């Protein structure tokens, strides 16, 4: 069993910042990449940012320069620092972990950016 527990979502004004956290626990001996996706109602889930166990990162074009993903391998935790938030960033964010080639998902955390 693998558990991904997210925290840090909430309400913020446009231009503000939030930090999301996701801690992985359970059978995570082959934990590889971790990342964040987001999904708006009626749309496909899309990658926001991903970081490998070695620290390589990639970002969606829409968040480059505003969001930063980081990882604490000792704590099996991934973070997403979100700055300069925009109303269009309002959506549910999901933590993702790839373990042994299998994708695991958190339950999601809602980020709401008011204009």
N, C-alpha and C. Protein backbone atom coordinates (compact mmCIF):
# COMPACT_ATOMS: atom_id res chain seq x y z
N UNK A 1 0.84 -1.20 0.00
CA UNK A 1 0.00 0.00 0.00
C UNK A 1 0.87 1.24 0.00
N UNK A 2 0.45 2.21 -0.78
CA UNK A 2 1.14 3.49 -0.86
C UNK A 2 0.14 4.58 -0.51
N UNK A 3 0.55 5.49 0.35
CA UNK A 3 -0.30 6.63 0.71
C UNK A 3 0.42 7.92 0.34
N UNK A 4 -0.32 8.80 -0.28
CA UNK A 4 0.17 10.15 -0.58
C UNK A 4 -0.76 11.13 0.11
N UNK A 5 -0.22 11.90 1.02
CA UNK A 5 -1.03 12.84 1.80
C UNK A 5 -0.61 14.25 1.46
N UNK A 6 -1.55 15.00 0.90
CA UNK A 6 -1.29 16.37 0.47
C UNK A 6 -1.74 17.36 1.53
N UNK A 7 -1.11 18.52 1.53
CA UNK A 7 -1.53 19.61 2.40
C UNK A 7 -1.09 20.93 1.78
N UNK A 8 -1.70 22.01 2.24
CA UNK A 8 -1.25 23.33 1.82
C UNK A 8 -2.16 24.08 0.88
N UNK A 9 -3.22 23.46 0.41
CA UNK A 9 -4.14 24.18 -0.45
C UNK A 9 -4.93 25.21 0.33
N UNK A 10 -5.69 26.02 -0.38
CA UNK A 10 -6.50 27.03 0.28
C UNK A 10 -6.83 28.18 -0.63
N UNK A 11 -7.24 29.27 0.01
CA UNK A 11 -7.68 30.47 -0.71
C UNK A 11 -6.59 31.54 -0.61
N UNK A 12 -6.28 32.15 -1.73
CA UNK A 12 -5.28 33.21 -1.76
C UNK A 12 -5.69 34.24 -2.81
N UNK A 13 -5.25 35.46 -2.62
CA UNK A 13 -5.53 36.50 -3.60
C UNK A 13 -4.57 36.39 -4.78
N UNK A 14 -4.99 36.88 -5.91
CA UNK A 14 -4.12 36.90 -7.09
C UNK A 14 -2.82 37.63 -6.76
N UNK A 15 -1.72 37.04 -7.21
CA UNK A 15 -0.40 37.58 -6.91
C UNK A 15 0.22 37.00 -5.66
N UNK A 16 -0.57 36.26 -4.91
CA UNK A 16 -0.09 35.67 -3.68
C UNK A 16 0.63 34.35 -3.89
N UNK A 17 0.96 33.70 -2.78
CA UNK A 17 1.73 32.46 -2.82
C UNK A 17 1.10 31.39 -1.93
N UNK A 18 1.33 30.17 -2.31
CA UNK A 18 0.96 29.00 -1.51
C UNK A 18 2.04 27.95 -1.69
N UNK A 19 2.16 27.10 -0.68
CA UNK A 19 3.10 25.98 -0.77
C UNK A 19 2.35 24.69 -0.50
N UNK A 20 2.40 23.79 -1.47
CA UNK A 20 1.78 22.48 -1.32
C UNK A 20 2.85 21.48 -0.88
N UNK A 21 2.42 20.54 -0.06
CA UNK A 21 3.30 19.46 0.38
C UNK A 21 2.62 18.12 0.15
N UNK A 22 3.42 17.11 -0.09
CA UNK A 22 2.88 15.75 -0.27
C UNK A 22 3.88 14.76 0.30
N UNK A 23 3.43 14.01 1.28
CA UNK A 23 4.28 13.02 1.92
C UNK A 23 3.87 11.62 1.47
N UNK A 24 4.83 10.84 1.04
CA UNK A 24 4.57 9.46 0.62
C UNK A 24 4.95 8.51 1.74
N UNK A 25 4.13 7.48 1.92
CA UNK A 25 4.43 6.48 2.94
C UNK A 25 3.92 5.12 2.46
N UNK A 26 4.36 4.08 3.17
CA UNK A 26 3.95 2.74 2.79
C UNK A 26 5.04 2.02 2.01
N UNK A 27 4.67 1.25 1.02
CA UNK A 27 5.60 0.45 0.22
C UNK A 27 6.22 1.32 -0.87
N UNK A 28 7.20 2.12 -0.50
CA UNK A 28 7.77 3.10 -1.44
C UNK A 28 9.25 2.85 -1.67
N UNK A 29 9.65 1.60 -1.66
CA UNK A 29 11.07 1.27 -1.79
C UNK A 29 11.62 1.63 -3.16
N UNK A 30 10.76 1.69 -4.19
CA UNK A 30 11.22 2.02 -5.53
C UNK A 30 10.67 3.37 -5.97
N UNK A 31 10.58 4.30 -5.00
CA UNK A 31 10.05 5.62 -5.30
C UNK A 31 10.94 6.32 -6.30
N UNK A 32 10.39 6.72 -7.41
CA UNK A 32 11.15 7.40 -8.44
C UNK A 32 10.69 8.84 -8.52
N UNK A 33 10.04 9.20 -9.59
CA UNK A 33 9.61 10.59 -9.76
C UNK A 33 8.40 10.90 -8.89
N UNK A 34 8.34 12.13 -8.45
CA UNK A 34 7.16 12.66 -7.76
C UNK A 34 6.78 13.96 -8.46
N UNK A 35 5.52 14.28 -8.35
CA UNK A 35 5.11 15.50 -9.04
C UNK A 35 3.72 15.95 -8.65
N UNK A 36 3.30 17.00 -9.34
CA UNK A 36 1.98 17.58 -9.12
C UNK A 36 1.27 17.71 -10.47
N UNK A 37 0.01 17.32 -10.45
CA UNK A 37 -0.87 17.50 -11.59
C UNK A 37 -2.04 18.36 -11.13
N UNK A 38 -2.79 18.86 -12.08
CA UNK A 38 -4.02 19.57 -11.72
C UNK A 38 -5.10 19.23 -12.75
N UNK A 39 -6.32 19.36 -12.28
CA UNK A 39 -7.45 19.00 -13.13
C UNK A 39 -8.62 19.93 -12.87
N UNK A 40 -9.03 20.60 -13.93
CA UNK A 40 -10.21 21.45 -13.86
C UNK A 40 -11.42 20.61 -14.24
N UNK A 41 -12.61 21.01 -13.79
CA UNK A 41 -13.83 20.25 -14.12
C UNK A 41 -13.99 20.09 -15.62
N UNK A 42 -14.24 18.86 -16.05
CA UNK A 42 -14.47 18.60 -17.46
C UNK A 42 -13.24 18.55 -18.32
N UNK A 43 -12.07 18.68 -17.70
CA UNK A 43 -10.81 18.66 -18.46
C UNK A 43 -9.93 17.52 -17.99
N UNK A 44 -8.95 17.19 -18.83
CA UNK A 44 -8.00 16.15 -18.47
C UNK A 44 -7.03 16.64 -17.41
N UNK A 45 -6.55 15.69 -16.62
CA UNK A 45 -5.54 16.00 -15.64
C UNK A 45 -4.24 16.34 -16.38
N UNK A 46 -3.60 17.42 -15.98
CA UNK A 46 -2.39 17.86 -16.66
C UNK A 46 -1.22 17.98 -15.70
N UNK A 47 -0.05 17.73 -16.23
CA UNK A 47 1.16 17.85 -15.43
C UNK A 47 1.45 19.31 -15.11
N UNK A 48 1.74 19.58 -13.86
CA UNK A 48 2.17 20.92 -13.44
C UNK A 48 3.70 20.94 -13.32
N UNK A 49 4.22 19.99 -12.56
CA UNK A 49 5.67 19.91 -12.36
C UNK A 49 6.02 18.51 -11.87
N UNK A 50 7.23 18.09 -12.22
CA UNK A 50 7.70 16.77 -11.81
C UNK A 50 9.17 16.86 -11.44
N UNK A 51 9.57 16.03 -10.47
CA UNK A 51 10.97 15.98 -10.06
C UNK A 51 11.37 14.52 -9.87
N UNK A 52 12.51 14.16 -10.42
CA UNK A 52 12.98 12.79 -10.28
C UNK A 52 13.74 12.62 -8.96
N UNK A 53 14.07 11.39 -8.65
CA UNK A 53 14.82 11.12 -7.42
C UNK A 53 16.20 11.77 -7.48
N UNK A 54 16.69 12.01 -8.69
CA UNK A 54 17.98 12.68 -8.85
C UNK A 54 17.92 14.18 -8.87
N UNK A 55 16.70 14.72 -8.85
CA UNK A 55 16.54 16.17 -8.79
C UNK A 55 16.24 16.86 -10.10
N UNK A 56 16.13 16.11 -11.19
CA UNK A 56 15.77 16.73 -12.46
C UNK A 56 14.31 17.15 -12.43
N UNK A 57 14.04 18.31 -13.00
CA UNK A 57 12.68 18.85 -12.96
C UNK A 57 12.16 19.19 -14.35
N UNK A 58 10.85 19.18 -14.47
CA UNK A 58 10.21 19.75 -15.64
C UNK A 58 8.89 20.36 -15.24
N UNK A 59 8.50 21.38 -15.97
CA UNK A 59 7.32 22.18 -15.64
C UNK A 59 6.43 22.38 -16.86
N UNK A 60 5.16 22.57 -16.59
CA UNK A 60 4.25 23.02 -17.63
C UNK A 60 4.62 24.45 -18.00
N UNK A 61 4.46 24.78 -19.28
CA UNK A 61 4.81 26.13 -19.72
C UNK A 61 4.05 27.20 -18.94
N UNK A 62 2.82 26.89 -18.57
CA UNK A 62 1.96 27.88 -17.91
C UNK A 62 2.44 28.25 -16.51
N UNK A 63 3.33 27.46 -15.93
CA UNK A 63 3.77 27.75 -14.55
C UNK A 63 5.27 28.05 -14.46
N UNK A 64 5.98 27.94 -15.57
CA UNK A 64 7.42 28.20 -15.55
C UNK A 64 7.70 29.62 -15.06
N UNK A 65 8.65 29.73 -14.17
CA UNK A 65 9.00 31.03 -13.61
C UNK A 65 8.15 31.44 -12.42
N UNK A 66 7.07 30.73 -12.18
CA UNK A 66 6.19 31.05 -11.04
C UNK A 66 6.18 29.96 -9.99
N UNK A 67 6.23 28.70 -10.43
CA UNK A 67 6.16 27.56 -9.51
C UNK A 67 7.53 26.90 -9.42
N UNK A 68 7.84 26.37 -8.26
CA UNK A 68 9.09 25.63 -8.06
C UNK A 68 8.80 24.34 -7.32
N UNK A 69 9.24 23.24 -7.89
CA UNK A 69 9.07 21.94 -7.24
C UNK A 69 10.37 21.56 -6.57
N UNK A 70 10.26 20.97 -5.40
CA UNK A 70 11.44 20.49 -4.68
C UNK A 70 11.09 19.21 -3.96
N UNK A 71 12.12 18.58 -3.42
CA UNK A 71 11.90 17.24 -2.86
C UNK A 71 12.86 17.00 -1.71
N UNK A 72 12.36 16.36 -0.68
CA UNK A 72 13.19 15.91 0.44
C UNK A 72 13.15 14.39 0.42
N UNK A 73 14.19 13.79 -0.12
CA UNK A 73 14.20 12.33 -0.27
C UNK A 73 14.20 11.62 1.08
N UNK A 74 14.81 12.22 2.07
CA UNK A 74 14.85 11.60 3.40
C UNK A 74 13.45 11.51 4.00
N UNK A 75 12.60 12.46 3.65
CA UNK A 75 11.23 12.49 4.19
C UNK A 75 10.21 11.97 3.17
N UNK A 76 10.69 11.59 1.98
CA UNK A 76 9.77 11.13 0.92
C UNK A 76 8.66 12.15 0.69
N UNK A 77 9.05 13.40 0.65
CA UNK A 77 8.09 14.49 0.55
C UNK A 77 8.46 15.38 -0.63
N UNK A 78 7.43 15.79 -1.37
CA UNK A 78 7.61 16.72 -2.47
C UNK A 78 6.83 17.99 -2.17
N UNK A 79 7.38 19.10 -2.59
CA UNK A 79 6.78 20.40 -2.34
C UNK A 79 6.55 21.13 -3.66
N UNK A 80 5.56 22.00 -3.66
CA UNK A 80 5.32 22.87 -4.80
C UNK A 80 5.12 24.28 -4.27
N UNK A 81 6.12 25.13 -4.49
CA UNK A 81 6.00 26.52 -4.12
C UNK A 81 5.37 27.27 -5.29
N UNK A 82 4.23 27.88 -5.03
CA UNK A 82 3.49 28.57 -6.07
C UNK A 82 3.47 30.06 -5.77
N UNK A 83 4.10 30.82 -6.63
CA UNK A 83 4.14 32.27 -6.49
C UNK A 83 3.40 32.94 -7.64
N UNK A 84 3.10 34.21 -7.46
CA UNK A 84 2.41 34.98 -8.50
C UNK A 84 1.18 34.24 -9.01
N UNK A 85 0.39 33.75 -8.09
CA UNK A 85 -0.77 32.96 -8.47
C UNK A 85 -1.79 33.79 -9.23
N UNK A 86 -2.44 33.13 -10.17
CA UNK A 86 -3.44 33.76 -11.02
C UNK A 86 -4.78 33.07 -10.82
N UNK A 87 -5.87 33.76 -11.10
CA UNK A 87 -7.19 33.12 -10.97
C UNK A 87 -7.29 31.82 -11.78
N UNK A 88 -6.61 31.76 -12.90
CA UNK A 88 -6.68 30.55 -13.71
C UNK A 88 -5.91 29.38 -13.12
N UNK A 89 -5.20 29.61 -12.03
CA UNK A 89 -4.56 28.51 -11.30
C UNK A 89 -5.54 27.82 -10.34
N UNK A 90 -6.76 28.36 -10.28
CA UNK A 90 -7.78 27.79 -9.40
C UNK A 90 -8.20 26.43 -9.92
N UNK A 91 -7.91 25.38 -9.14
CA UNK A 91 -8.19 24.02 -9.59
C UNK A 91 -7.75 23.07 -8.48
N UNK A 92 -8.12 21.81 -8.60
CA UNK A 92 -7.64 20.80 -7.66
C UNK A 92 -6.27 20.29 -8.10
N UNK A 93 -5.33 20.26 -7.16
CA UNK A 93 -3.98 19.78 -7.43
C UNK A 93 -3.80 18.40 -6.82
N UNK A 94 -3.21 17.51 -7.59
CA UNK A 94 -3.02 16.12 -7.17
C UNK A 94 -1.53 15.79 -7.10
N UNK A 95 -1.15 15.19 -6.01
CA UNK A 95 0.21 14.68 -5.88
C UNK A 95 0.31 13.35 -6.61
N UNK A 96 1.45 13.12 -7.22
CA UNK A 96 1.69 11.89 -7.97
C UNK A 96 3.05 11.32 -7.59
N UNK A 97 3.11 10.00 -7.51
CA UNK A 97 4.39 9.33 -7.29
C UNK A 97 4.46 8.11 -8.20
N UNK A 98 5.62 7.90 -8.78
CA UNK A 98 5.84 6.73 -9.63
C UNK A 98 6.71 5.76 -8.85
N UNK A 99 6.14 4.59 -8.59
CA UNK A 99 6.82 3.58 -7.78
C UNK A 99 6.78 2.27 -8.51
N UNK A 100 7.94 1.77 -8.87
CA UNK A 100 7.98 0.52 -9.61
C UNK A 100 7.22 0.60 -10.92
N UNK A 101 7.20 1.77 -11.53
CA UNK A 101 6.51 1.95 -12.80
C UNK A 101 5.01 2.18 -12.69
N UNK A 102 4.50 2.20 -11.48
CA UNK A 102 3.07 2.40 -11.24
C UNK A 102 2.83 3.83 -10.75
N UNK A 103 1.79 4.45 -11.28
CA UNK A 103 1.42 5.80 -10.87
C UNK A 103 0.48 5.73 -9.66
N UNK A 104 0.80 6.47 -8.64
CA UNK A 104 -0.06 6.60 -7.46
C UNK A 104 -0.48 8.06 -7.31
N UNK A 105 -1.67 8.24 -6.74
CA UNK A 105 -2.25 9.58 -6.66
C UNK A 105 -2.71 9.89 -5.25
N UNK A 106 -2.56 11.15 -4.87
CA UNK A 106 -3.19 11.64 -3.66
C UNK A 106 -4.65 11.96 -3.94
N UNK A 107 -5.36 12.40 -2.90
CA UNK A 107 -6.79 12.68 -3.03
C UNK A 107 -7.06 14.06 -3.62
N UNK A 108 -6.04 14.90 -3.63
CA UNK A 108 -6.20 16.23 -4.20
C UNK A 108 -6.39 17.29 -3.15
N UNK A 109 -5.92 18.48 -3.47
CA UNK A 109 -6.10 19.63 -2.60
C UNK A 109 -6.51 20.82 -3.46
N UNK A 110 -7.52 21.54 -3.01
CA UNK A 110 -8.07 22.63 -3.79
C UNK A 110 -7.29 23.92 -3.55
N UNK A 111 -6.92 24.55 -4.64
CA UNK A 111 -6.31 25.88 -4.60
C UNK A 111 -7.29 26.85 -5.26
N UNK A 112 -7.62 27.90 -4.55
CA UNK A 112 -8.53 28.91 -5.07
C UNK A 112 -7.84 30.26 -5.05
N UNK A 113 -7.75 30.89 -6.22
CA UNK A 113 -7.11 32.19 -6.34
C UNK A 113 -8.18 33.22 -6.70
N UNK A 114 -8.39 34.16 -5.82
CA UNK A 114 -9.40 35.19 -6.05
C UNK A 114 -8.80 36.39 -6.78
N UNK A 115 -9.62 36.99 -7.62
CA UNK A 115 -9.12 38.15 -8.40
C UNK A 115 -9.37 39.46 -7.67
